[in-house]
Amino acid sequence: MTKLIVILGITGTQGASVADVFLQEPGWKLRGVTRDASRASTTYWKQKGVEIVEADLDKQESLEAAFEGANAIFGNIDSIGPMYDPYNYGKLRPGQTINEFCYELEVKRGKNMANAAATVDTLERFVFSGLPSIKLVTNGKYPHAYHFEAKAAIMAHIKSLPSLAAKTSEVQLGEFATNWKSWRSRRPVKQEDGSYAFLVPGDRDVPMPITVQRKDTGYFVRALVLMPPGKVLLGYGSFLSHADFNRVWTRILGVPDGGVKHITVEEFINFEGPPLGIELAEAVAGLMQFDMDTPGFLHPHEVPEEIGCPTTSIEEYLKSEDFSSMMEVL
């Protein structure tokens, strides 16, 4: 019998990756959920045979309709996009930051998503794209990584819904390999001596997961759909310290390797700037305190061989990029 997977945000990088993989998976049909089914970005998926439906994350009933008949659902809520929507700045309460507003918005939307998924009688697997709480990891030292906190709050809500929790697994993606395109603090910075160094807030530099999200998210989600529920998969293709990450960058770009430059969290915030500087600074500093080998995490290489979970290394990704465009922003 053919099964149905419903993909939230099919026009985004994560959702598109899930669609790519499940289009190749025998026995599955796909339904993509988007805010506007008439957008040009949905045409590609319609031509591939994907059913495209509209739903509003602010309206639970529209999500219930979009999820109807699903055997599997991939749930992902955009953290960053609303920060750059000028319309949202007019909604701020007195004294409220855009980061705080976006946290509340994401949690509200995530709860709507979870509540809607919990009504689906046919559902066998719900896979949520989540993140750990940096505030919890650091015992309250770094409370402002709101895009992490929102994901953790949504996962807590999912766990409070017994029928949904029993069908749920979570994928926690590593740092996106493409983050360098959006934020200058997430790429090597040219130093006075002409070398290039990664800026790291704090005094630690431990290995961290890095994922080529557009290519690999689908394989992570597929593994979780095919495996029993209750898993937390750490999704990555490379596991590198900033020093090793920088070594790969500079070798491929053909520029001098300046290693790592440790700076304070405040210096990192000022370097990146608003609105995301404080969140990136505290997230990176917090993850430097996080033990990725914590029991309970499933790593890609631990996925059963008969299911498989191929990944893409950061080196493979960087080699596929246009070097000239990289150098323009470095």
C-alpha atoms as a PDB file:
ATOM      1  CA  MET A   1       0.000   0.000   0.000  1.00  0.00           C
ATOM      2  CA  THR A   2       1.306   3.443  -0.915  1.00  0.00           C
ATOM      3  CA  LYS A   3       2.022   5.688   2.049  1.00  0.00           C
ATOM      4  CA  LEU A   4       1.823   9.473   2.286  1.00  0.00           C
ATOM      5  CA  ILE A   5       4.502  11.759   3.724  1.00  0.00           C
ATOM      6  CA  VAL A   6       3.555  15.385   4.340  1.00  0.00           C
ATOM      7  CA  ILE A   7       6.424  17.867   4.239  1.00  0.00           C
ATOM      8  CA  LEU A   8       6.145  21.239   5.942  1.00  0.00           C
ATOM      9  CA  GLY A   9       8.071  23.956   4.125  1.00  0.00           C
ATOM     10  CA  ILE A  10       8.783  22.035   0.938  1.00  0.00           C
ATOM     11  CA  THR A  11      10.237  25.144  -0.731  1.00  0.00           C
ATOM     12  CA  GLY A  12      12.896  25.494   1.990  1.00  0.00           C
ATOM     13  CA  THR A  13      16.233  23.702   2.001  1.00  0.00           C
ATOM     14  CA  GLN A  14      15.271  21.066   4.556  1.00  0.00           C
ATOM     15  CA  GLY A  15      11.862  20.316   3.099  1.00  0.00           C
ATOM     16  CA  ALA A  16      13.238  20.195  -0.438  1.00  0.00           C
ATOM     17  CA  SER A  17      15.871  17.673   0.617  1.00  0.00           C
ATOM     18  CA  VAL A  18      13.224  15.459   2.201  1.00  0.00           C
ATOM     19  CA  ALA A  19      11.168  15.661  -0.989  1.00  0.00           C
ATOM     20  CA  ASP A  20      14.161  14.760  -3.161  1.00  0.00           C
ATOM     21  CA  VAL A  21      14.841  11.612  -1.160  1.00  0.00           C
ATOM     22  CA  PHE A  22      11.243  10.407  -0.836  1.00  0.00           C
ATOM     23  CA  LEU A  23      10.594  10.921  -4.542  1.00  0.00           C
ATOM     24  CA  GLN A  24      13.134   8.116  -5.008  1.00  0.00           C
ATOM     25  CA  GLU A  25      11.635   5.926  -2.266  1.00  0.00           C
ATOM     26  CA  PRO A  26       9.304   3.182  -3.574  1.00  0.00           C
ATOM     27  CA  GLY A  27       5.850   3.066  -2.030  1.00  0.00           C
ATOM     28  CA  TRP A  28       5.581   6.727  -1.044  1.00  0.00           C
ATOM     29  CA  LYS A  29       3.611   9.676  -2.362  1.00  0.00           C
ATOM     30  CA  LEU A  30       4.342  13.240  -1.298  1.00  0.00           C
ATOM     31  CA  ARG A  31       2.334  16.234  -0.191  1.00  0.00           C
ATOM     32  CA  GLY A  32       4.161  19.530   0.239  1.00  0.00           C
ATOM     33  CA  VAL A  33       2.822  22.264   2.488  1.00  0.00           C
ATOM     34  CA  THR A  34       3.450  25.931   1.741  1.00  0.00           C
ATOM     35  CA  ARG A  35       1.893  29.291   2.559  1.00  0.00           C
ATOM     36  CA  ASP A  36       1.225  30.097  -1.093  1.00  0.00           C
ATOM     37  CA  ALA A  37       0.690  27.267  -3.556  1.00  0.00           C
ATOM     38  CA  SER A  38       0.767  29.696  -6.495  1.00  0.00           C
ATOM     39  CA  ARG A  39       4.400  30.702  -5.926  1.00  0.00           C
ATOM     40  CA  ALA A  40       6.815  29.926  -8.735  1.00  0.00           C
ATOM     41  CA  SER A  41       8.951  27.862  -6.345  1.00  0.00           C
ATOM     42  CA  THR A  42       6.168  25.258  -6.090  1.00  0.00           C
ATOM     43  CA  THR A  43       6.041  24.630  -9.851  1.00  0.00           C
ATOM     44  CA  TYR A  44       9.085  22.357  -9.793  1.00  0.00           C
ATOM     45  CA  TRP A  45       7.476  20.065  -7.220  1.00  0.00           C
ATOM     46  CA  LYS A  46       4.126  19.981  -8.997  1.00  0.00           C
ATOM     47  CA  GLN A  47       5.923  18.870 -12.152  1.00  0.00           C
ATOM     48  CA  LYS A  48       7.544  16.076 -10.125  1.00  0.00           C
ATOM     49  CA  GLY A  49       4.107  14.813  -9.097  1.00  0.00           C
ATOM     50  CA  VAL A  50       4.111  16.252  -5.580  1.00  0.00           C
ATOM     51  CA  GLU A  51       0.728  17.373  -4.295  1.00  0.00           C
ATOM     52  CA  ILE A  52       1.023  20.980  -3.116  1.00  0.00           C
ATOM     53  CA  VAL A  53      -1.394  22.358  -0.518  1.00  0.00           C
ATOM     54  CA  GLU A  54      -1.611  25.637   1.361  1.00  0.00           C
ATOM     55  CA  ALA A  55      -1.607  25.955   5.138  1.00  0.00           C
ATOM     56  CA  ASP A  56      -1.045  28.753   7.627  1.00  0.00           C
ATOM     57  CA  LEU A  57       1.135  27.936  10.626  1.00  0.00           C
ATOM     58  CA  ASP A  58      -0.854  30.496  12.604  1.00  0.00           C
ATOM     59  CA  LYS A  59      -4.076  28.538  12.014  1.00  0.00           C
ATOM     60  CA  GLN A  60      -4.155  25.044  13.468  1.00  0.00           C
ATOM     61  CA  GLU A  61      -7.235  24.032  11.507  1.00  0.00           C
ATOM     62  CA  SER A  62      -5.457  24.651   8.197  1.00  0.00           C
ATOM     63  CA  LEU A  63      -2.626  22.380   9.316  1.00  0.00           C
ATOM     64  CA  GLU A  64      -5.091  19.678  10.301  1.00  0.00           C
ATOM     65  CA  ALA A  65      -6.475  19.730   6.761  1.00  0.00           C
ATOM     66  CA  ALA A  66      -2.968  19.637   5.259  1.00  0.00           C
ATOM     67  CA  PHE A  67      -1.993  16.653   7.423  1.00  0.00           C
ATOM     68  CA  GLU A  68      -5.130  14.606   6.734  1.00  0.00           C
ATOM     69  CA  GLY A  69      -4.342  11.022   5.775  1.00  0.00           C
ATOM     70  CA  ALA A  70      -0.601  11.317   6.451  1.00  0.00           C
ATOM     71  CA  ASN A  71       1.412   8.266   7.426  1.00  0.00           C
ATOM     72  CA  ALA A  72       4.495  10.387   8.087  1.00  0.00           C
ATOM     73  CA  ILE A  73       5.009  14.105   8.670  1.00  0.00           C
ATOM     74  CA  PHE A  74       8.214  16.115   8.534  1.00  0.00           C
ATOM     75  CA  GLY A  75       7.837  19.189  10.731  1.00  0.00           C
ATOM     76  CA  ASN A  76      10.124  22.204  10.534  1.00  0.00           C
ATOM     77  CA  ILE A  77       9.460  25.802  11.628  1.00  0.00           C
ATOM     78  CA  ASP A  78      11.474  28.723  10.230  1.00  0.00           C
ATOM     79  CA  SER A  79      13.406  30.478  12.999  1.00  0.00           C
ATOM     80  CA  ILE A  80      15.336  33.114  11.112  1.00  0.00           C
ATOM     81  CA  GLY A  81      13.106  34.388   8.309  1.00  0.00           C
ATOM     82  CA  PRO A  82      10.676  36.283  10.574  1.00  0.00           C
ATOM     83  CA  MET A  83      13.593  38.308  12.021  1.00  0.00           C
ATOM     84  CA  TYR A  84      14.139  39.876   8.625  1.00  0.00           C
ATOM     85  CA  ASP A  85      10.465  40.619   7.924  1.00  0.00           C
ATOM     86  CA  PRO A  86       9.969  44.394   8.440  1.00  0.00           C
ATOM     87  CA  TYR A  87       6.272  43.787   9.100  1.00  0.00           C
ATOM     88  CA  ASN A  88       7.089  41.993  12.364  1.00  0.00           C
ATOM     89  CA  TYR A  89       8.872  45.002  13.848  1.00  0.00           C
ATOM     90  CA  GLY A  90       5.544  46.803  14.020  1.00  0.00           C
ATOM     91  CA  LYS A  91       4.178  44.013  16.218  1.00  0.00           C
ATOM     92  CA  LEU A  92       6.750  44.335  19.011  1.00  0.00           C
ATOM     93  CA  ARG A  93       5.529  45.079  22.504  1.00  0.00           C
ATOM     94  CA  PRO A  94       7.226  47.994  24.299  1.00  0.00           C
ATOM     95  CA  GLY A  95      10.731  46.845  25.251  1.00  0.00           C
ATOM     96  CA  GLN A  96      10.470  43.585  23.324  1.00  0.00           C
ATOM     97  CA  THR A  97      13.312  42.626  20.986  1.00  0.00           C
ATOM     98  CA  ILE A  98      12.737  41.083  17.572  1.00  0.00           C
ATOM     99  CA  ASN A  99      14.528  37.976  18.860  1.00  0.00           C
ATOM    100  CA  GLU A 100      12.040  37.600  21.712  1.00  0.00           C
ATOM    101  CA  PHE A 101       9.132  38.186  19.348  1.00  0.00           C
ATOM    102  CA  CYS A 102      10.378  35.539  16.920  1.00  0.00           C
ATOM    103  CA  TYR A 103      10.848  33.061  19.762  1.00  0.00           C
ATOM    104  CA  GLU A 104       7.215  33.473  20.801  1.00  0.00           C
ATOM    105  CA  LEU A 105       6.045  33.281  17.196  1.00  0.00           C
ATOM    106  CA  GLU A 106       7.989  30.101  16.483  1.00  0.00           C
ATOM    107  CA  VAL A 107       6.786  28.371  19.644  1.00  0.00           C
ATOM    108  CA  LYS A 108       3.181  29.304  18.861  1.00  0.00           C
ATOM    109  CA  ARG A 109       3.495  27.960  15.337  1.00  0.00           C
ATOM    110  CA  GLY A 110       5.278  24.838  16.527  1.00  0.00           C
ATOM    111  CA  LYS A 111       2.514  24.092  18.996  1.00  0.00           C
ATOM    112  CA  ASN A 112      -0.076  24.520  16.251  1.00  0.00           C
ATOM    113  CA  MET A 113       1.904  22.070  14.129  1.00  0.00           C
ATOM    114  CA  ALA A 114       2.138  19.510  16.926  1.00  0.00           C
ATOM    115  CA  ASN A 115      -1.505  19.854  17.958  1.00  0.00           C
ATOM    116  CA  ALA A 116      -2.577  19.364  14.347  1.00  0.00           C
ATOM    117  CA  ALA A 117      -0.335  16.326  13.886  1.00  0.00           C
ATOM    118  CA  ALA A 118      -1.776  14.781  17.036  1.00  0.00           C
ATOM    119  CA  THR A 119      -5.229  14.664  15.397  1.00  0.00           C
ATOM    120  CA  VAL A 120      -4.088  12.471  12.478  1.00  0.00           C
ATOM    121  CA  ASP A 121      -5.364   8.930  13.037  1.00  0.00           C
ATOM    122  CA  THR A 122      -3.318   7.482  10.179  1.00  0.00           C
ATOM    123  CA  LEU A 123      -0.002   8.891  11.436  1.00  0.00           C
ATOM    124  CA  GLU A 124       2.798   6.394  12.046  1.00  0.00           C
ATOM    125  CA  ARG A 125       5.830   8.684  12.287  1.00  0.00           C
ATOM    126  CA  PHE A 126       6.353  12.362  13.065  1.00  0.00           C
ATOM    127  CA  VAL A 127       9.886  13.696  12.505  1.00  0.00           C
ATOM    128  CA  PHE A 128      10.655  17.120  13.947  1.00  0.00           C
ATOM    129  CA  SER A 129      13.682  19.216  13.038  1.00  0.00           C
ATOM    130  CA  GLY A 130      14.770  20.400  16.474  1.00  0.00           C
ATOM    131  CA  LEU A 131      17.708  21.787  18.435  1.00  0.00           C
ATOM    132  CA  PRO A 132      18.946  21.505  22.038  1.00  0.00           C
ATOM    133  CA  SER A 133      18.362  24.228  24.618  1.00  0.00           C
ATOM    134  CA  ILE A 134      21.581  26.240  24.929  1.00  0.00           C
ATOM    135  CA  LYS A 135      20.236  27.713  28.160  1.00  0.00           C
ATOM    136  CA  LEU A 136      19.907  24.212  29.608  1.00  0.00           C
ATOM    137  CA  VAL A 137      23.261  23.021  28.247  1.00  0.00           C
ATOM    138  CA  THR A 138      25.080  25.965  29.872  1.00  0.00           C
ATOM    139  CA  ASN A 139      23.080  26.026  33.128  1.00  0.00           C
ATOM    140  CA  GLY A 140      21.578  29.397  32.227  1.00  0.00           C
ATOM    141  CA  LYS A 141      24.820  31.115  31.193  1.00  0.00           C
ATOM    142  CA  TYR A 142      23.644  31.713  27.626  1.00  0.00           C
ATOM    143  CA  PRO A 143      19.865  32.338  27.531  1.00  0.00           C
ATOM    144  CA  HIS A 144      19.611  34.326  24.295  1.00  0.00           C
ATOM    145  CA  ALA A 145      20.012  31.669  21.573  1.00  0.00           C
ATOM    146  CA  TYR A 146      16.297  31.956  20.956  1.00  0.00           C
ATOM    147  CA  HIS A 147      16.194  29.890  17.767  1.00  0.00           C
ATOM    148  CA  PHE A 148      17.572  26.976  19.799  1.00  0.00           C
ATOM    149  CA  GLU A 149      15.251  27.641  22.742  1.00  0.00           C
ATOM    150  CA  ALA A 150      12.173  27.754  20.507  1.00  0.00           C
ATOM    151  CA  LYS A 151      12.959  24.369  18.970  1.00  0.00           C
ATOM    152  CA  ALA A 152      13.521  22.881  22.430  1.00  0.00           C
ATOM    153  CA  ALA A 153      10.223  24.348  23.683  1.00  0.00           C
ATOM    154  CA  ILE A 154       8.351  22.894  20.716  1.00  0.00           C
ATOM    155  CA  MET A 155       9.881  19.470  21.344  1.00  0.00           C
ATOM    156  CA  ALA A 156       8.822  19.714  24.986  1.00  0.00           C
ATOM    157  CA  HIS A 157       5.262  20.387  23.819  1.00  0.00           C
ATOM    158  CA  ILE A 158       5.386  17.403  21.468  1.00  0.00           C
ATOM    159  CA  LYS A 159       6.430  15.223  24.401  1.00  0.00           C
ATOM    160  CA  SER A 160       3.424  16.511  26.371  1.00  0.00           C
ATOM    161  CA  LEU A 161       1.067  14.991  23.771  1.00  0.00           C
ATOM    162  CA  PRO A 162       1.211  11.243  24.541  1.00  0.00           C
ATOM    163  CA  SER A 163      -0.268   9.961  21.281  1.00  0.00           C
ATOM    164  CA  LEU A 164       2.074  12.114  19.172  1.00  0.00           C
ATOM    165  CA  ALA A 165       5.140  11.596  21.367  1.00  0.00           C
ATOM    166  CA  ALA A 166       4.825   7.827  20.908  1.00  0.00           C
ATOM    167  CA  LYS A 167       5.237   8.291  17.136  1.00  0.00           C
ATOM    168  CA  THR A 168       7.943  10.969  17.175  1.00  0.00           C
ATOM    169  CA  SER A 169      11.645  11.087  16.402  1.00  0.00           C
ATOM    170  CA  GLU A 170      13.798  14.203  16.215  1.00  0.00           C
ATOM    171  CA  VAL A 171      16.603  15.228  13.892  1.00  0.00           C
ATOM    172  CA  GLN A 172      19.000  17.839  15.270  1.00  0.00           C
ATOM    173  CA  LEU A 173      20.945  19.204  12.322  1.00  0.00           C
ATOM    174  CA  GLY A 174      24.490  20.447  12.732  1.00  0.00           C
ATOM    175  CA  GLU A 175      25.587  23.892  11.630  1.00  0.00           C
ATOM    176  CA  PHE A 176      24.527  24.498   8.060  1.00  0.00           C
ATOM    177  CA  ALA A 177      27.446  24.398   5.637  1.00  0.00           C
ATOM    178  CA  THR A 178      25.892  27.377   3.853  1.00  0.00           C
ATOM    179  CA  ASN A 179      25.811  29.672   6.901  1.00  0.00           C
ATOM    180  CA  TRP A 180      28.877  31.505   5.563  1.00  0.00           C
ATOM    181  CA  LYS A 181      26.663  33.023   2.873  1.00  0.00           C
ATOM    182  CA  SER A 182      24.407  34.753   5.398  1.00  0.00           C
ATOM    183  CA  TRP A 183      26.602  35.640   8.381  1.00  0.00           C
ATOM    184  CA  ARG A 184      30.157  36.895   8.247  1.00  0.00           C
ATOM    185  CA  SER A 185      30.985  35.404  11.647  1.00  0.00           C
ATOM    186  CA  ARG A 186      30.494  31.945  10.164  1.00  0.00           C
ATOM    187  CA  ARG A 187      33.301  32.146   7.610  1.00  0.00           C
ATOM    188  CA  PRO A 188      37.058  32.754   7.865  1.00  0.00           C
ATOM    189  CA  VAL A 189      37.998  36.379   8.488  1.00  0.00           C
ATOM    190  CA  LYS A 190      41.077  37.962   6.932  1.00  0.00           C
ATOM    191  CA  GLN A 191      43.722  38.922   9.508  1.00  0.00           C
ATOM    192  CA  GLU A 192      46.305  41.711   9.416  1.00  0.00           C
ATOM    193  CA  ASP A 193      49.023  39.270   8.331  1.00  0.00           C
ATOM    194  CA  GLY A 194      46.947  38.163   5.332  1.00  0.00           C
ATOM    195  CA  SER A 195      45.923  34.818   6.789  1.00  0.00           C
ATOM    196  CA  TYR A 196      42.327  33.755   7.374  1.00  0.00           C
ATOM    197  CA  ALA A 197      41.027  32.695  10.779  1.00  0.00           C
ATOM    198  CA  PHE A 198      37.732  31.561  12.277  1.00  0.00           C
ATOM    199  CA  LEU A 199      36.427  33.715  15.124  1.00  0.00           C
ATOM    200  CA  VAL A 200      35.348  31.608  18.090  1.00  0.00           C
ATOM    201  CA  PRO A 201      33.576  33.088  21.132  1.00  0.00           C
ATOM    202  CA  GLY A 202      35.063  31.845  24.389  1.00  0.00           C
ATOM    203  CA  ASP A 203      38.215  29.861  25.058  1.00  0.00           C
ATOM    204  CA  ARG A 204      37.214  26.394  23.836  1.00  0.00           C
ATOM    205  CA  ASP A 205      37.227  24.843  20.373  1.00  0.00           C
ATOM    206  CA  VAL A 206      35.696  21.395  20.387  1.00  0.00           C
ATOM    207  CA  PRO A 207      34.462  19.409  17.384  1.00  0.00           C
ATOM    208  CA  MET A 208      30.994  20.356  16.193  1.00  0.00           C
ATOM    209  CA  PRO A 209      28.619  18.808  13.643  1.00  0.00           C
ATOM    210  CA  ILE A 210      28.314  20.406  10.205  1.00  0.00           C
ATOM    211  CA  THR A 211      25.668  19.413   7.683  1.00  0.00           C
ATOM    212  CA  VAL A 212      25.050  20.062   4.014  1.00  0.00           C
ATOM    213  CA  GLN A 213      21.362  20.484   4.749  1.00  0.00           C
ATOM    214  CA  ARG A 214      19.996  20.774   1.201  1.00  0.00           C
ATOM    215  CA  LYS A 215      21.532  17.441   0.265  1.00  0.00           C
ATOM    216  CA  ASP A 216      21.470  15.323   3.434  1.00  0.00           C
ATOM    217  CA  THR A 217      18.394  16.284   5.501  1.00  0.00           C
ATOM    218  CA  GLY A 218      16.236  13.955   3.446  1.00  0.00           C
ATOM    219  CA  TYR A 219      18.411  10.948   4.257  1.00  0.00           C
ATOM    220  CA  PHE A 220      18.291  11.754   7.975  1.00  0.00           C
ATOM    221  CA  VAL A 221      14.505  12.023   7.872  1.00  0.00           C
ATOM    222  CA  ARG A 222      14.142   8.874   5.784  1.00  0.00           C
ATOM    223  CA  ALA A 223      16.178   6.928   8.349  1.00  0.00           C
ATOM    224  CA  LEU A 224      13.969   8.162  11.179  1.00  0.00           C
ATOM    225  CA  VAL A 225      10.783   7.375   9.268  1.00  0.00           C
ATOM    226  CA  LEU A 226      11.934   3.809   8.598  1.00  0.00           C
ATOM    227  CA  MET A 227      13.277   3.183  12.126  1.00  0.00           C
ATOM    228  CA  PRO A 228      11.223   2.776  15.315  1.00  0.00           C
ATOM    229  CA  PRO A 229      10.234   6.068  17.020  1.00  0.00           C
ATOM    230  CA  GLY A 230      11.935   7.695  19.972  1.00  0.00           C
ATOM    231  CA  LYS A 231      15.223   8.464  18.244  1.00  0.00           C
ATOM    232  CA  VAL A 232      17.244  11.704  18.335  1.00  0.00           C
ATOM    233  CA  LEU A 233      19.489  11.727  15.275  1.00  0.00           C
ATOM    234  CA  LEU A 234      22.385  14.181  15.209  1.00  0.00           C
ATOM    235  CA  GLY A 235      22.476  15.084  11.537  1.00  0.00           C
ATOM    236  CA  TYR A 236      25.905  15.880  10.125  1.00  0.00           C
ATOM    237  CA  GLY A 237      28.373  14.961   7.411  1.00  0.00           C
ATOM    238  CA  SER A 238      31.490  16.354   9.121  1.00  0.00           C
ATOM    239  CA  PHE A 239      32.483  16.607  12.774  1.00  0.00           C
ATOM    240  CA  LEU A 240      35.216  19.236  13.060  1.00  0.00           C
ATOM    241  CA  SER A 241      36.681  21.818  15.398  1.00  0.00           C
ATOM    242  CA  HIS A 242      36.808  25.383  14.082  1.00  0.00           C
ATOM    243  CA  ALA A 243      40.562  24.942  13.629  1.00  0.00           C
ATOM    244  CA  ASP A 244      40.045  21.888  11.421  1.00  0.00           C
ATOM    245  CA  PHE A 245      37.133  23.576   9.643  1.00  0.00           C
ATOM    246  CA  ASN A 246      39.362  26.558   8.889  1.00  0.00           C
ATOM    247  CA  ARG A 247      42.112  24.251   7.644  1.00  0.00           C
ATOM    248  CA  VAL A 248      39.716  22.748   5.089  1.00  0.00           C
ATOM    249  CA  TRP A 249      38.433  26.172   4.043  1.00  0.00           C
ATOM    250  CA  THR A 250      41.842  27.722   3.514  1.00  0.00           C
ATOM    251  CA  ARG A 251      43.286  24.712   1.701  1.00  0.00           C
ATOM    252  CA  ILE A 252      40.435  24.677  -0.803  1.00  0.00           C
ATOM    253  CA  LEU A 253      40.515  28.448  -1.233  1.00  0.00           C
ATOM    254  CA  GLY A 254      44.298  28.529  -1.514  1.00  0.00           C
ATOM    255  CA  VAL A 255      44.810  31.177   1.180  1.00  0.00           C
ATOM    256  CA  PRO A 256      46.994  31.156   4.355  1.00  0.00           C
ATOM    257  CA  ASP A 257      45.564  29.294   7.334  1.00  0.00           C
ATOM    258  CA  GLY A 258      45.318  31.571  10.364  1.00  0.00           C
ATOM    259  CA  GLY A 259      43.712  28.950  12.579  1.00  0.00           C
ATOM    260  CA  VAL A 260      41.321  30.118  15.279  1.00  0.00           C
ATOM    261  CA  LYS A 261      41.054  33.516  16.910  1.00  0.00           C
ATOM    262  CA  HIS A 262      39.356  33.370  20.299  1.00  0.00           C
ATOM    263  CA  ILE A 263      37.292  36.444  21.138  1.00  0.00           C
ATOM    264  CA  THR A 264      34.737  37.292  23.803  1.00  0.00           C
ATOM    265  CA  VAL A 265      31.040  36.698  23.298  1.00  0.00           C
ATOM    266  CA  GLU A 266      30.542  40.471  23.324  1.00  0.00           C
ATOM    267  CA  GLU A 267      33.163  40.951  20.597  1.00  0.00           C
ATOM    268  CA  PHE A 268      31.471  38.261  18.521  1.00  0.00           C
ATOM    269  CA  ILE A 269      28.090  39.968  18.929  1.00  0.00           C
ATOM    270  CA  ASN A 270      29.522  43.312  17.845  1.00  0.00           C
ATOM    271  CA  PHE A 271      31.293  41.757  14.872  1.00  0.00           C
ATOM    272  CA  GLU A 272      28.156  40.044  13.537  1.00  0.00           C
ATOM    273  CA  GLY A 273      25.698  42.754  14.509  1.00  0.00           C
ATOM    274  CA  PRO A 274      21.921  42.612  14.967  1.00  0.00           C
ATOM    275  CA  PRO A 275      19.531  40.985  14.873  1.00  0.00           C
ATOM    276  CA  LEU A 276      21.185  37.574  14.977  1.00  0.00           C
ATOM    277  CA  GLY A 277      24.598  38.409  16.453  1.00  0.00           C
ATOM    278  CA  ILE A 278      23.648  37.673  20.049  1.00  0.00           C
ATOM    279  CA  GLU A 279      22.006  34.384  19.103  1.00  0.00           C
ATOM    280  CA  LEU A 280      24.929  33.158  17.025  1.00  0.00           C
ATOM    281  CA  ALA A 281      27.447  34.185  19.674  1.00  0.00           C
ATOM    282  CA  GLU A 282      25.668  32.407  22.511  1.00  0.00           C
ATOM    283  CA  ALA A 283      24.805  29.389  20.365  1.00  0.00           C
ATOM    284  CA  VAL A 284      28.416  28.828  19.284  1.00  0.00           C
ATOM    285  CA  ALA A 285      29.807  29.506  22.769  1.00  0.00           C
ATOM    286  CA  GLY A 286      27.179  27.220  24.265  1.00  0.00           C
ATOM    287  CA  LEU A 287      27.809  24.393  21.829  1.00  0.00           C
ATOM    288  CA  MET A 288      31.481  24.528  22.804  1.00  0.00           C
ATOM    289  CA  GLN A 289      30.241  23.281  26.214  1.00  0.00           C
ATOM    290  CA  PHE A 290      28.024  20.556  24.741  1.00  0.00           C
ATOM    291  CA  ASP A 291      29.037  16.893  24.696  1.00  0.00           C
ATOM    292  CA  MET A 292      27.965  15.568  21.314  1.00  0.00           C
ATOM    293  CA  ASP A 293      28.704  12.044  22.531  1.00  0.00           C
ATOM    294  CA  THR A 294      25.929  12.299  25.100  1.00  0.00           C
ATOM    295  CA  PRO A 295      24.131   8.948  25.418  1.00  0.00           C
ATOM    296  CA  GLY A 296      20.827   9.010  23.573  1.00  0.00           C
ATOM    297  CA  PHE A 297      22.078  10.621  20.379  1.00  0.00           C
ATOM    298  CA  LEU A 298      22.029   8.508  17.245  1.00  0.00           C
ATOM    299  CA  HIS A 299      24.836   9.339  14.821  1.00  0.00           C
ATOM    300  CA  PRO A 300      24.514   8.851  11.045  1.00  0.00           C
ATOM    301  CA  HIS A 301      27.062   6.026  10.983  1.00  0.00           C
ATOM    302  CA  GLU A 302      24.964   4.184  13.591  1.00  0.00           C
ATOM    303  CA  VAL A 303      21.906   3.965  11.349  1.00  0.00           C
ATOM    304  CA  PRO A 304      21.409   0.289  10.412  1.00  0.00           C
ATOM    305  CA  GLU A 305      23.176  -0.580   7.171  1.00  0.00           C
ATOM    306  CA  GLU A 306      20.012  -1.982   5.595  1.00  0.00           C
ATOM    307  CA  ILE A 307      18.394   1.468   5.947  1.00  0.00           C
ATOM    308  CA  GLY A 308      21.440   3.573   5.161  1.00  0.00           C
ATOM    309  CA  CYS A 309      22.185   7.221   5.797  1.00  0.00           C
ATOM    310  CA  PRO A 310      24.595   8.744   3.251  1.00  0.00           C
ATOM    311  CA  THR A 311      26.165  12.083   4.141  1.00  0.00           C
ATOM    312  CA  THR A 312      28.170  14.842   2.464  1.00  0.00           C
ATOM    313  CA  SER A 313      31.411  16.168   3.964  1.00  0.00           C
ATOM    314  CA  ILE A 314      32.174  19.859   4.290  1.00  0.00           C
ATOM    315  CA  GLU A 315      35.111  19.329   1.942  1.00  0.00           C
ATOM    316  CA  GLU A 316      32.844  17.884  -0.751  1.00  0.00           C
ATOM    317  CA  TYR A 317      30.487  20.823  -0.303  1.00  0.00           C
ATOM    318  CA  LEU A 318      33.171  23.510  -0.470  1.00  0.00           C
ATOM    319  CA  LYS A 319      34.697  21.954  -3.573  1.00  0.00           C
ATOM    320  CA  SER A 320      31.305  22.271  -5.263  1.00  0.00           C
ATOM    321  CA  GLU A 321      31.028  26.006  -4.518  1.00  0.00           C
ATOM    322  CA  ASP A 322      32.105  28.885  -6.754  1.00  0.00           C
ATOM    323  CA  PHE A 323      35.434  30.029  -5.318  1.00  0.00           C
ATOM    324  CA  SER A 324      35.168  33.481  -6.851  1.00  0.00           C
ATOM    325  CA  SER A 325      31.905  34.184  -5.073  1.00  0.00           C
ATOM    326  CA  MET A 326      33.486  33.018  -1.815  1.00  0.00           C
ATOM    327  CA  MET A 327      36.416  35.383  -2.142  1.00  0.00           C
ATOM    328  CA  GLU A 328      34.105  38.333  -2.734  1.00  0.00           C
ATOM    329  CA  VAL A 329      32.661  37.998   0.764  1.00  0.00           C
ATOM    330  CA  LEU A 330      35.764  36.903   2.686  1.00  0.00           C
END
